Amino acid sequence: MEKIDFKKKLSTLYSAPTGSFATIKVPVMQFVKIDGMGDPNRDPAYKRAIEWLYSVSYAIKFAAKTKLQKDYVVPPLEGLWWADDPDDFVGRRKHLWRWTMLIMVPDFVDRSIYEPALAKSRDKLGEPPQSLRFEPLDEGRCLQTLHIGSYDDEGPTLARLHNEIMPAKGVTFAGPHHEIYLSHARKTPPEKLRTLLRQPVKSAELS
């Protein structure tokens, strides 16, 4: 049985240059998602969200392998991040952040696989976070770069994106800041973390 690695199969979505932003077109994809707010390093709800996302995602993976004869590597953790005041995000004022953490689910999985996987996780973890859901994400046109280093060092890159690159391209925001974590945060030194930074955009003339 082939084991699908979506980082390779969808390589344009899971790779980017460093130091510059590539323009990509992201298709509609489906995810398991959980919402929250506050500093992810301090809020226990963030840790609980991650635990639930991985539990459900692995239950989906094993169900798909058994029922559909399709095996795959669980895709990396991703996060949508924003703040009511964008400066609070770029300025790393994390207690004011809002987030949606998510893990991609292959398009051959539907609710008939998801619902039993959710039930299996509920048996282990109790009642899920209220915002836990299985739904699509449609980002479309995006600018994307690869950041190597600490998450807290992203600020200058994002400031350049917002203040220089996007205005020069004549585009504006079409969704929240999106991060894809290619490294294991607890096993990788901060200076070697690899994180894709993605920003959905649209023509500024249409806004």
N, C-alpha and C. Protein backbone atom coordinates (compact mmCIF):
# COMPACT_ATOMS: atom_id res chain seq x y z
N MET A 1 0.84 -1.20 0.00
CA MET A 1 0.00 0.00 0.00
C MET A 1 0.88 1.26 0.00
N GLU A 2 0.65 2.12 -0.94
CA GLU A 2 1.42 3.37 -1.00
C GLU A 2 1.10 4.24 0.21
N LYS A 3 2.13 4.88 0.76
CA LYS A 3 1.94 5.83 1.86
C LYS A 3 2.17 7.23 1.32
N ILE A 4 1.10 8.00 1.24
CA ILE A 4 1.16 9.32 0.61
C ILE A 4 1.78 10.33 1.58
N ASP A 5 2.77 11.07 1.09
CA ASP A 5 3.33 12.19 1.84
C ASP A 5 2.92 13.47 1.12
N PHE A 6 1.98 14.20 1.70
CA PHE A 6 1.43 15.37 1.01
C PHE A 6 2.44 16.50 0.90
N LYS A 7 3.45 16.53 1.76
CA LYS A 7 4.49 17.54 1.62
C LYS A 7 5.23 17.37 0.29
N LYS A 8 5.28 16.12 -0.20
CA LYS A 8 5.92 15.84 -1.49
C LYS A 8 4.90 15.92 -2.62
N LYS A 9 3.72 15.34 -2.41
CA LYS A 9 2.71 15.31 -3.46
C LYS A 9 2.23 16.73 -3.80
N LEU A 10 2.12 17.57 -2.79
CA LEU A 10 1.68 18.96 -2.97
C LEU A 10 2.84 19.90 -2.66
N SER A 11 3.95 19.64 -3.31
CA SER A 11 5.20 20.31 -2.93
C SER A 11 5.14 21.83 -3.07
N THR A 12 4.36 22.34 -4.03
CA THR A 12 4.29 23.80 -4.18
C THR A 12 3.61 24.46 -2.99
N LEU A 13 2.79 23.70 -2.26
CA LEU A 13 2.10 24.24 -1.09
C LEU A 13 2.94 24.13 0.18
N TYR A 14 3.92 23.22 0.16
CA TYR A 14 4.71 22.95 1.35
C TYR A 14 6.19 23.31 1.18
N SER A 15 6.47 24.24 0.27
CA SER A 15 7.84 24.72 0.08
C SER A 15 7.77 26.17 -0.37
N ALA A 16 8.89 26.88 -0.17
CA ALA A 16 8.95 28.30 -0.56
C ALA A 16 10.39 28.75 -0.46
N PRO A 17 10.72 29.85 -1.13
CA PRO A 17 12.07 30.39 -1.00
C PRO A 17 12.25 31.07 0.35
N THR A 18 13.49 31.26 0.76
CA THR A 18 13.79 32.08 1.93
C THR A 18 14.21 33.46 1.44
N GLY A 19 13.79 34.47 2.16
CA GLY A 19 14.19 35.82 1.81
C GLY A 19 13.32 36.50 0.78
N SER A 20 12.40 35.76 0.17
CA SER A 20 11.47 36.37 -0.79
C SER A 20 10.16 35.60 -0.73
N PHE A 21 9.12 36.21 -1.30
CA PHE A 21 7.79 35.61 -1.27
C PHE A 21 7.40 35.13 -2.66
N ALA A 22 7.00 33.85 -2.74
CA ALA A 22 6.49 33.29 -3.98
C ALA A 22 4.98 33.44 -4.00
N THR A 23 4.42 33.62 -5.20
CA THR A 23 2.97 33.66 -5.36
C THR A 23 2.49 32.26 -5.71
N ILE A 24 1.53 31.75 -4.95
CA ILE A 24 1.00 30.41 -5.19
C ILE A 24 -0.52 30.47 -5.22
N LYS A 25 -1.13 29.46 -5.80
CA LYS A 25 -2.58 29.33 -5.81
C LYS A 25 -2.93 28.09 -4.96
N VAL A 26 -3.61 28.32 -3.88
CA VAL A 26 -3.95 27.24 -2.95
C VAL A 26 -5.37 26.76 -3.23
N PRO A 27 -5.56 25.49 -3.53
CA PRO A 27 -6.91 24.99 -3.78
C PRO A 27 -7.70 24.88 -2.48
N VAL A 28 -8.99 24.69 -2.60
CA VAL A 28 -9.81 24.44 -1.42
C VAL A 28 -9.35 23.12 -0.80
N MET A 29 -9.07 23.15 0.50
CA MET A 29 -8.61 21.96 1.21
C MET A 29 -9.43 21.82 2.48
N GLN A 30 -9.50 20.61 3.01
CA GLN A 30 -10.29 20.38 4.22
C GLN A 30 -9.37 20.11 5.40
N PHE A 31 -9.84 20.55 6.57
CA PHE A 31 -9.04 20.51 7.78
C PHE A 31 -9.88 20.14 8.99
N VAL A 32 -9.20 19.64 10.01
CA VAL A 32 -9.73 19.62 11.36
C VAL A 32 -9.22 20.89 12.02
N LYS A 33 -10.11 21.67 12.66
CA LYS A 33 -9.75 22.99 13.18
C LYS A 33 -10.23 23.17 14.62
N ILE A 34 -9.50 24.00 15.35
CA ILE A 34 -9.91 24.44 16.69
C ILE A 34 -9.50 25.89 16.85
N ASP A 35 -10.40 26.72 17.39
CA ASP A 35 -10.15 28.14 17.61
C ASP A 35 -9.71 28.41 19.05
N GLY A 36 -9.04 29.56 19.23
CA GLY A 36 -8.68 29.99 20.57
C GLY A 36 -8.14 31.40 20.54
N MET A 37 -7.72 31.88 21.69
CA MET A 37 -7.14 33.21 21.78
C MET A 37 -6.17 33.25 22.95
N GLY A 38 -5.22 34.20 22.89
CA GLY A 38 -4.24 34.35 23.94
C GLY A 38 -2.88 33.79 23.57
N ASP A 39 -1.94 33.93 24.48
CA ASP A 39 -0.55 33.51 24.27
C ASP A 39 -0.47 31.99 24.20
N PRO A 40 -0.04 31.44 23.06
CA PRO A 40 0.02 29.98 22.94
C PRO A 40 1.02 29.33 23.88
N ASN A 41 1.98 30.12 24.38
CA ASN A 41 2.97 29.58 25.31
C ASN A 41 2.46 29.51 26.74
N ARG A 42 1.33 30.16 27.01
CA ARG A 42 0.84 30.24 28.38
C ARG A 42 -0.58 29.70 28.55
N ASP A 43 -1.37 29.72 27.50
CA ASP A 43 -2.77 29.34 27.61
C ASP A 43 -2.91 27.82 27.52
N PRO A 44 -3.43 27.16 28.56
CA PRO A 44 -3.59 25.70 28.50
C PRO A 44 -4.55 25.26 27.41
N ALA A 45 -5.45 26.15 26.96
CA ALA A 45 -6.38 25.79 25.89
C ALA A 45 -5.63 25.50 24.60
N TYR A 46 -4.48 26.16 24.40
CA TYR A 46 -3.69 25.90 23.19
C TYR A 46 -3.13 24.48 23.21
N LYS A 47 -2.55 24.09 24.33
CA LYS A 47 -2.02 22.72 24.45
C LYS A 47 -3.12 21.69 24.25
N ARG A 48 -4.28 21.96 24.82
CA ARG A 48 -5.41 21.03 24.67
C ARG A 48 -5.86 20.95 23.21
N ALA A 49 -5.86 22.09 22.52
CA ALA A 49 -6.25 22.10 21.11
C ALA A 49 -5.31 21.23 20.28
N ILE A 50 -4.01 21.34 20.53
CA ILE A 50 -3.04 20.55 19.77
C ILE A 50 -3.23 19.07 20.04
N GLU A 51 -3.46 18.73 21.31
CA GLU A 51 -3.68 17.33 21.67
C GLU A 51 -4.89 16.76 20.93
N TRP A 52 -5.96 17.52 20.87
CA TRP A 52 -7.17 17.07 20.18
C TRP A 52 -6.95 16.95 18.68
N LEU A 53 -6.28 17.92 18.08
CA LEU A 53 -6.07 17.88 16.64
C LEU A 53 -5.28 16.64 16.23
N TYR A 54 -4.23 16.33 16.97
CA TYR A 54 -3.43 15.16 16.62
C TYR A 54 -4.19 13.86 16.89
N SER A 55 -4.94 13.83 17.99
CA SER A 55 -5.71 12.62 18.30
C SER A 55 -6.71 12.31 17.19
N VAL A 56 -7.47 13.31 16.77
CA VAL A 56 -8.47 13.10 15.73
C VAL A 56 -7.80 12.81 14.38
N SER A 57 -6.71 13.51 14.09
CA SER A 57 -6.03 13.33 12.80
C SER A 57 -5.46 11.92 12.67
N TYR A 58 -4.88 11.40 13.74
CA TYR A 58 -4.35 10.04 13.67
C TYR A 58 -5.45 9.00 13.63
N ALA A 59 -6.56 9.26 14.32
CA ALA A 59 -7.70 8.35 14.24
C ALA A 59 -8.26 8.32 12.82
N ILE A 60 -8.29 9.48 12.15
CA ILE A 60 -8.73 9.53 10.75
C ILE A 60 -7.78 8.75 9.86
N LYS A 61 -6.48 8.95 10.07
CA LYS A 61 -5.47 8.25 9.28
C LYS A 61 -5.65 6.73 9.35
N PHE A 62 -5.80 6.21 10.57
CA PHE A 62 -5.90 4.76 10.73
C PHE A 62 -7.23 4.23 10.18
N ALA A 63 -8.28 5.02 10.31
CA ALA A 63 -9.57 4.61 9.75
C ALA A 63 -9.51 4.58 8.22
N ALA A 64 -8.85 5.58 7.63
CA ALA A 64 -8.73 5.61 6.17
C ALA A 64 -7.92 4.42 5.67
N LYS A 65 -6.89 4.05 6.42
CA LYS A 65 -6.06 2.91 6.03
C LYS A 65 -6.88 1.62 6.08
N THR A 66 -7.70 1.48 7.12
CA THR A 66 -8.50 0.26 7.28
C THR A 66 -9.68 0.20 6.32
N LYS A 67 -10.43 1.31 6.22
CA LYS A 67 -11.68 1.29 5.48
C LYS A 67 -11.51 1.61 3.99
N LEU A 68 -10.52 2.46 3.68
CA LEU A 68 -10.35 2.91 2.30
C LEU A 68 -9.11 2.33 1.63
N GLN A 69 -8.30 1.64 2.42
CA GLN A 69 -7.03 1.11 1.91
C GLN A 69 -6.15 2.24 1.37
N LYS A 70 -6.15 3.36 2.09
CA LYS A 70 -5.33 4.52 1.72
C LYS A 70 -4.55 4.96 2.95
N ASP A 71 -3.23 4.97 2.81
CA ASP A 71 -2.37 5.34 3.92
C ASP A 71 -1.66 6.64 3.59
N TYR A 72 -1.37 7.43 4.60
CA TYR A 72 -0.70 8.70 4.37
C TYR A 72 0.00 9.16 5.64
N VAL A 73 0.96 10.05 5.46
CA VAL A 73 1.63 10.71 6.58
C VAL A 73 0.72 11.86 7.05
N VAL A 74 0.42 11.90 8.34
CA VAL A 74 -0.39 13.00 8.84
C VAL A 74 0.33 14.32 8.53
N PRO A 75 -0.34 15.24 7.85
CA PRO A 75 0.30 16.50 7.46
C PRO A 75 0.72 17.33 8.67
N PRO A 76 1.57 18.32 8.45
CA PRO A 76 2.06 19.12 9.57
C PRO A 76 0.99 20.01 10.20
N LEU A 77 1.24 20.37 11.44
CA LEU A 77 0.38 21.32 12.13
C LEU A 77 0.44 22.67 11.42
N GLU A 78 -0.70 23.35 11.37
CA GLU A 78 -0.77 24.68 10.77
C GLU A 78 -1.51 25.61 11.72
N GLY A 79 -1.34 26.90 11.53
CA GLY A 79 -2.03 27.86 12.36
C GLY A 79 -2.42 29.10 11.60
N LEU A 80 -3.63 29.59 11.85
CA LEU A 80 -4.06 30.90 11.37
C LEU A 80 -3.99 31.85 12.55
N TRP A 81 -3.36 32.99 12.35
CA TRP A 81 -3.10 33.92 13.46
C TRP A 81 -3.53 35.33 13.09
N TRP A 82 -4.13 36.02 14.03
CA TRP A 82 -4.49 37.42 13.79
C TRP A 82 -4.75 38.11 15.12
N ALA A 83 -4.95 39.41 15.05
CA ALA A 83 -5.31 40.21 16.22
C ALA A 83 -6.26 41.29 15.74
N ASP A 84 -7.07 41.80 16.65
CA ASP A 84 -8.02 42.86 16.28
C ASP A 84 -7.26 44.06 15.73
N ASP A 85 -6.09 44.35 16.29
CA ASP A 85 -5.19 45.37 15.77
C ASP A 85 -3.99 44.65 15.15
N PRO A 86 -3.81 44.71 13.83
CA PRO A 86 -2.70 43.98 13.19
C PRO A 86 -1.34 44.29 13.80
N ASP A 87 -1.15 45.50 14.33
CA ASP A 87 0.13 45.84 14.93
C ASP A 87 0.43 44.97 16.15
N ASP A 88 -0.62 44.49 16.81
CA ASP A 88 -0.42 43.62 17.97
C ASP A 88 0.14 42.27 17.55
N PHE A 89 -0.17 41.87 16.32
CA PHE A 89 0.38 40.60 15.84
C PHE A 89 1.83 40.77 15.43
N VAL A 90 2.11 41.75 14.59
CA VAL A 90 3.48 41.98 14.14
C VAL A 90 4.37 42.32 15.33
N GLY A 91 3.83 43.02 16.33
CA GLY A 91 4.59 43.40 17.51
C GLY A 91 4.72 42.30 18.53
N ARG A 92 4.18 41.10 18.23
CA ARG A 92 4.33 39.91 19.08
C ARG A 92 3.68 40.10 20.45
N ARG A 93 2.60 40.88 20.52
CA ARG A 93 1.86 41.00 21.78
C ARG A 93 0.88 39.83 21.86
N LYS A 94 1.42 38.71 22.29
CA LYS A 94 0.74 37.43 22.13
C LYS A 94 -0.53 37.29 22.96
N HIS A 95 -0.63 38.01 24.05
CA HIS A 95 -1.84 37.90 24.87
C HIS A 95 -3.06 38.46 24.15
N LEU A 96 -2.84 39.19 23.06
CA LEU A 96 -3.94 39.77 22.28
C LEU A 96 -4.21 38.99 20.99
N TRP A 97 -3.52 37.90 20.81
CA TRP A 97 -3.67 37.13 19.58
C TRP A 97 -4.91 36.26 19.59
N ARG A 98 -5.41 36.00 18.39
CA ARG A 98 -6.45 35.00 18.15
C ARG A 98 -5.88 33.96 17.20
N TRP A 99 -6.35 32.72 17.33
CA TRP A 99 -5.78 31.68 16.48
C TRP A 99 -6.79 30.60 16.15
N THR A 100 -6.52 29.95 15.02
CA THR A 100 -7.17 28.71 14.63
C THR A 100 -6.06 27.74 14.28
N MET A 101 -5.94 26.67 15.07
CA MET A 101 -4.95 25.64 14.77
C MET A 101 -5.64 24.57 13.93
N LEU A 102 -4.90 23.96 13.00
CA LEU A 102 -5.54 23.06 12.06
C LEU A 102 -4.55 22.05 11.50
N ILE A 103 -5.09 20.91 11.07
CA ILE A 103 -4.32 19.88 10.39
C ILE A 103 -5.12 19.44 9.17
N MET A 104 -4.46 19.39 8.02
CA MET A 104 -5.13 19.04 6.76
C MET A 104 -5.61 17.59 6.78
N VAL A 105 -6.76 17.37 6.17
CA VAL A 105 -7.34 16.04 6.01
C VAL A 105 -7.46 15.76 4.50
N PRO A 106 -6.99 14.62 4.02
CA PRO A 106 -7.04 14.34 2.57
C PRO A 106 -8.45 14.40 2.01
N ASP A 107 -8.55 14.70 0.72
CA ASP A 107 -9.87 14.87 0.11
C ASP A 107 -10.63 13.56 -0.05
N PHE A 108 -9.95 12.42 0.15
CA PHE A 108 -10.68 11.16 0.07
C PHE A 108 -11.35 10.79 1.40
N VAL A 109 -11.18 11.63 2.42
CA VAL A 109 -11.83 11.43 3.71
C VAL A 109 -13.09 12.28 3.77
N ASP A 110 -14.18 11.70 4.24
CA ASP A 110 -15.42 12.46 4.43
C ASP A 110 -15.91 12.28 5.86
N ARG A 111 -17.12 12.77 6.12
CA ARG A 111 -17.62 12.74 7.49
C ARG A 111 -17.87 11.32 8.00
N SER A 112 -18.05 10.38 7.09
CA SER A 112 -18.24 9.00 7.54
C SER A 112 -16.97 8.43 8.16
N ILE A 113 -15.83 9.03 7.86
CA ILE A 113 -14.57 8.66 8.49
C ILE A 113 -14.33 9.57 9.71
N TYR A 114 -14.62 10.86 9.55
CA TYR A 114 -14.35 11.83 10.60
C TYR A 114 -15.15 11.56 11.87
N GLU A 115 -16.44 11.31 11.75
CA GLU A 115 -17.29 11.18 12.94
C GLU A 115 -16.85 10.03 13.85
N PRO A 116 -16.58 8.82 13.34
CA PRO A 116 -16.07 7.76 14.21
C PRO A 116 -14.71 8.11 14.82
N ALA A 117 -13.86 8.82 14.06
CA ALA A 117 -12.56 9.22 14.58
C ALA A 117 -12.74 10.19 15.76
N LEU A 118 -13.69 11.09 15.62
CA LEU A 118 -13.99 12.02 16.70
C LEU A 118 -14.48 11.26 17.93
N ALA A 119 -15.35 10.30 17.72
CA ALA A 119 -15.87 9.50 18.83
C ALA A 119 -14.74 8.75 19.53
N LYS A 120 -13.80 8.23 18.77
CA LYS A 120 -12.68 7.50 19.34
C LYS A 120 -11.83 8.43 20.21
N SER A 121 -11.60 9.64 19.74
CA SER A 121 -10.83 10.60 20.52
C SER A 121 -11.60 11.03 21.77
N ARG A 122 -12.90 11.16 21.64
CA ARG A 122 -13.72 11.52 22.80
C ARG A 122 -13.62 10.46 23.89
N ASP A 123 -13.54 9.21 23.50
CA ASP A 123 -13.40 8.14 24.48
C ASP A 123 -12.11 8.27 25.28
N LYS A 124 -11.06 8.82 24.64
CA LYS A 124 -9.76 8.96 25.30
C LYS A 124 -9.62 10.28 26.05
N LEU A 125 -10.15 11.34 25.47
CA LEU A 125 -9.86 12.69 25.98
C LEU A 125 -11.04 13.38 26.64
N GLY A 126 -12.22 12.79 26.59
CA GLY A 126 -13.40 13.46 27.14
C GLY A 126 -14.08 14.34 26.11
N GLU A 127 -14.77 15.36 26.58
CA GLU A 127 -15.49 16.24 25.66
C GLU A 127 -14.51 17.13 24.90
N PRO A 128 -14.70 17.27 23.59
CA PRO A 128 -13.77 18.07 22.78
C PRO A 128 -13.99 19.56 22.98
N PRO A 129 -13.01 20.39 22.59
CA PRO A 129 -13.23 21.84 22.57
C PRO A 129 -14.45 22.18 21.71
N GLN A 130 -15.20 23.15 22.14
CA GLN A 130 -16.46 23.49 21.47
C GLN A 130 -16.27 23.86 20.01
N SER A 131 -15.12 24.45 19.69
CA SER A 131 -14.90 24.92 18.32
C SER A 131 -14.32 23.85 17.40
N LEU A 132 -14.06 22.66 17.90
CA LEU A 132 -13.52 21.59 17.06
C LEU A 132 -14.48 21.30 15.91
N ARG A 133 -13.94 21.26 14.68
CA ARG A 133 -14.80 21.05 13.52
C ARG A 133 -13.98 20.53 12.34
N PHE A 134 -14.71 20.03 11.37
CA PHE A 134 -14.14 19.47 10.14
C PHE A 134 -14.75 20.26 9.01
N GLU A 135 -13.93 21.10 8.34
CA GLU A 135 -14.50 21.98 7.31
C GLU A 135 -13.42 22.42 6.33
N PRO A 136 -13.84 22.94 5.17
CA PRO A 136 -12.88 23.38 4.16
C PRO A 136 -12.29 24.75 4.47
N LEU A 137 -11.17 25.03 3.81
CA LEU A 137 -10.53 26.34 3.85
C LEU A 137 -10.20 26.72 2.42
N ASP A 138 -10.65 27.89 2.00
CA ASP A 138 -10.44 28.36 0.63
C ASP A 138 -9.60 29.63 0.69
N GLU A 139 -8.30 29.52 0.37
CA GLU A 139 -7.40 30.68 0.45
C GLU A 139 -7.10 31.29 -0.91
N GLY A 140 -7.03 30.49 -1.94
CA GLY A 140 -6.78 31.03 -3.27
C GLY A 140 -5.37 31.59 -3.42
N ARG A 141 -5.27 32.80 -3.95
CA ARG A 141 -3.97 33.42 -4.21
C ARG A 141 -3.28 33.79 -2.90
N CYS A 142 -2.01 33.37 -2.76
CA CYS A 142 -1.27 33.62 -1.53
C CYS A 142 0.17 34.00 -1.86
N LEU A 143 0.79 34.72 -0.94
CA LEU A 143 2.23 34.95 -0.95
C LEU A 143 2.83 34.10 0.15
N GLN A 144 3.96 33.42 -0.14
CA GLN A 144 4.50 32.45 0.80
C GLN A 144 6.02 32.48 0.80
N THR A 145 6.59 32.41 2.01
CA THR A 145 8.04 32.35 2.16
C THR A 145 8.39 31.32 3.22
N LEU A 146 9.64 30.87 3.23
CA LEU A 146 10.13 29.96 4.27
C LEU A 146 10.95 30.75 5.27
N HIS A 147 10.52 30.71 6.52
CA HIS A 147 11.26 31.36 7.60
C HIS A 147 12.06 30.30 8.34
N ILE A 148 13.35 30.54 8.51
CA ILE A 148 14.21 29.65 9.28
C ILE A 148 14.65 30.40 10.53
N GLY A 149 14.27 29.87 11.68
CA GLY A 149 14.63 30.52 12.93
C GLY A 149 13.47 30.54 13.90
N SER A 150 13.65 31.24 14.98
CA SER A 150 12.65 31.33 16.04
C SER A 150 11.36 31.97 15.53
N TYR A 151 10.24 31.53 16.09
CA TYR A 151 8.96 32.14 15.74
C TYR A 151 8.97 33.63 16.07
N ASP A 152 9.65 34.00 17.15
CA ASP A 152 9.66 35.40 17.56
C ASP A 152 10.51 36.28 16.65
N ASP A 153 11.23 35.67 15.73
CA ASP A 153 12.02 36.45 14.77
C ASP A 153 11.27 36.69 13.46
N GLU A 154 10.00 36.31 13.41
CA GLU A 154 9.22 36.49 12.17
C GLU A 154 8.81 37.95 11.94
N GLY A 155 8.78 38.75 13.00
CA GLY A 155 8.24 40.10 12.92
C GLY A 155 8.76 40.95 11.77
N PRO A 156 10.10 41.08 11.59
CA PRO A 156 10.61 41.91 10.49
C PRO A 156 10.18 41.42 9.12
N THR A 157 10.12 40.09 8.93
CA THR A 157 9.68 39.55 7.64
C THR A 157 8.23 39.91 7.38
N LEU A 158 7.39 39.80 8.40
CA LEU A 158 5.97 40.13 8.23
C LEU A 158 5.78 41.63 8.02
N ALA A 159 6.56 42.43 8.73
CA ALA A 159 6.47 43.88 8.53
C ALA A 159 6.84 44.26 7.10
N ARG A 160 7.89 43.61 6.55
CA ARG A 160 8.29 43.88 5.16
C ARG A 160 7.20 43.43 4.20
N LEU A 161 6.59 42.28 4.48
CA LEU A 161 5.49 41.81 3.64
C LEU A 161 4.35 42.81 3.62
N HIS A 162 3.94 43.24 4.80
CA HIS A 162 2.78 44.13 4.91
C HIS A 162 3.05 45.53 4.37
N ASN A 163 4.23 46.06 4.65
CA ASN A 163 4.51 47.47 4.37
C ASN A 163 5.20 47.72 3.04
N GLU A 164 5.83 46.69 2.47
CA GLU A 164 6.57 46.88 1.23
C GLU A 164 6.09 45.96 0.11
N ILE A 165 6.11 44.67 0.35
CA ILE A 165 5.84 43.72 -0.73
C ILE A 165 4.40 43.78 -1.19
N MET A 166 3.45 43.72 -0.27
CA MET A 166 2.04 43.74 -0.67
C MET A 166 1.66 45.05 -1.36
N PRO A 167 2.04 46.22 -0.82
CA PRO A 167 1.73 47.46 -1.56
C PRO A 167 2.37 47.50 -2.94
N ALA A 168 3.59 46.99 -3.07
CA ALA A 168 4.26 47.00 -4.37
C ALA A 168 3.55 46.12 -5.38
N LYS A 169 2.93 45.06 -4.91
CA LYS A 169 2.20 44.14 -5.79
C LYS A 169 0.75 44.57 -5.99
N GLY A 170 0.32 45.60 -5.28
CA GLY A 170 -1.06 46.07 -5.43
C GLY A 170 -2.08 45.13 -4.82
N VAL A 171 -1.70 44.45 -3.74
CA VAL A 171 -2.61 43.50 -3.11
C VAL A 171 -2.82 43.85 -1.64
N THR A 172 -3.88 43.31 -1.08
CA THR A 172 -4.19 43.51 0.33
C THR A 172 -4.61 42.17 0.94
N PHE A 173 -4.93 42.20 2.22
CA PHE A 173 -5.23 40.97 2.95
C PHE A 173 -6.54 40.33 2.48
N ALA A 174 -6.50 39.00 2.32
CA ALA A 174 -7.71 38.25 1.96
C ALA A 174 -7.95 37.11 2.95
N GLY A 175 -7.32 37.20 4.11
CA GLY A 175 -7.47 36.17 5.13
C GLY A 175 -6.37 36.35 6.15
N PRO A 176 -6.42 35.61 7.26
CA PRO A 176 -5.42 35.77 8.31
C PRO A 176 -4.06 35.21 7.93
N HIS A 177 -3.06 35.66 8.65
CA HIS A 177 -1.70 35.12 8.53
C HIS A 177 -1.74 33.62 8.79
N HIS A 178 -1.02 32.86 7.96
CA HIS A 178 -1.07 31.39 8.00
C HIS A 178 0.35 30.87 8.17
N GLU A 179 0.55 29.99 9.14
CA GLU A 179 1.86 29.37 9.35
C GLU A 179 1.73 27.86 9.23
N ILE A 180 2.73 27.24 8.62
CA ILE A 180 2.79 25.78 8.48
C ILE A 180 4.11 25.34 9.11
N TYR A 181 4.02 24.48 10.10
CA TYR A 181 5.18 24.13 10.91
C TYR A 181 5.84 22.85 10.38
N LEU A 182 6.97 23.04 9.69
CA LEU A 182 7.67 21.92 9.07
C LEU A 182 8.62 21.24 10.04
N SER A 183 8.87 21.86 11.19
CA SER A 183 9.77 21.30 12.19
C SER A 183 8.99 20.96 13.46
N HIS A 184 9.52 20.03 14.22
CA HIS A 184 8.95 19.69 15.52
C HIS A 184 9.48 20.70 16.53
N ALA A 185 8.59 21.52 17.09
CA ALA A 185 9.02 22.64 17.93
C ALA A 185 9.80 22.20 19.16
N ARG A 186 9.45 21.05 19.74
CA ARG A 186 10.11 20.62 20.97
C ARG A 186 11.40 19.85 20.72
N LYS A 187 11.65 19.47 19.46
CA LYS A 187 12.84 18.68 19.15
C LYS A 187 13.86 19.44 18.30
N THR A 188 13.51 20.65 17.89
CA THR A 188 14.36 21.42 16.99
C THR A 188 14.85 22.69 17.68
N PRO A 189 16.15 23.00 17.64
CA PRO A 189 16.64 24.26 18.20
C PRO A 189 15.93 25.44 17.54
N PRO A 190 15.61 26.48 18.31
CA PRO A 190 14.86 27.62 17.75
C PRO A 190 15.46 28.19 16.47
N GLU A 191 16.80 28.23 16.41
CA GLU A 191 17.43 28.84 15.24
C GLU A 191 17.32 27.98 13.98
N LYS A 192 16.87 26.73 14.14
CA LYS A 192 16.74 25.83 12.99
C LYS A 192 15.29 25.51 12.63
N LEU A 193 14.34 26.10 13.32
CA LEU A 193 12.93 25.87 13.01
C LEU A 193 12.61 26.31 11.58
N ARG A 194 11.85 25.49 10.87
CA ARG A 194 11.45 25.81 9.49
C ARG A 194 9.94 26.02 9.48
N THR A 195 9.52 27.22 9.13
CA THR A 195 8.11 27.58 9.17
C THR A 195 7.73 28.28 7.87
N LEU A 196 6.70 27.78 7.21
CA LEU A 196 6.17 28.47 6.05
C LEU A 196 5.25 29.59 6.52
N LEU A 197 5.48 30.79 5.99
CA LEU A 197 4.64 31.94 6.29
C LEU A 197 3.82 32.25 5.05
N ARG A 198 2.51 32.19 5.19
CA ARG A 198 1.60 32.34 4.04
C ARG A 198 0.60 33.46 4.31
N GLN A 199 0.37 34.29 3.30
CA GLN A 199 -0.63 35.34 3.42
C GLN A 199 -1.58 35.33 2.22
N PRO A 200 -2.85 34.97 2.43
CA PRO A 200 -3.82 35.09 1.35
C PRO A 200 -3.98 36.57 0.96
N VAL A 201 -4.05 36.83 -0.35
CA VAL A 201 -4.13 38.21 -0.82
C VAL A 201 -5.18 38.33 -1.92
N LYS A 202 -5.59 39.57 -2.15
CA LYS A 202 -6.48 39.93 -3.25
C LYS A 202 -6.08 41.28 -3.76
N SER A 203 -6.55 41.64 -4.92
CA SER A 203 -6.23 42.94 -5.50
C SER A 203 -6.73 44.05 -4.59
N ALA A 204 -5.87 45.03 -4.33
CA ALA A 204 -6.27 46.16 -3.48
C ALA A 204 -7.39 46.96 -4.13
N GLU A 205 -7.48 46.89 -5.45
CA GLU A 205 -8.54 47.64 -6.15
C GLU A 205 -9.93 47.07 -5.88
N LEU A 206 -9.99 45.79 -5.44
CA LEU A 206 -11.27 45.14 -5.20
C LEU A 206 -11.75 45.31 -3.77
N SER A 207 -10.88 45.86 -2.93
CA SER A 207 -11.25 45.95 -1.51
C SER A 207 -11.93 47.28 -1.19
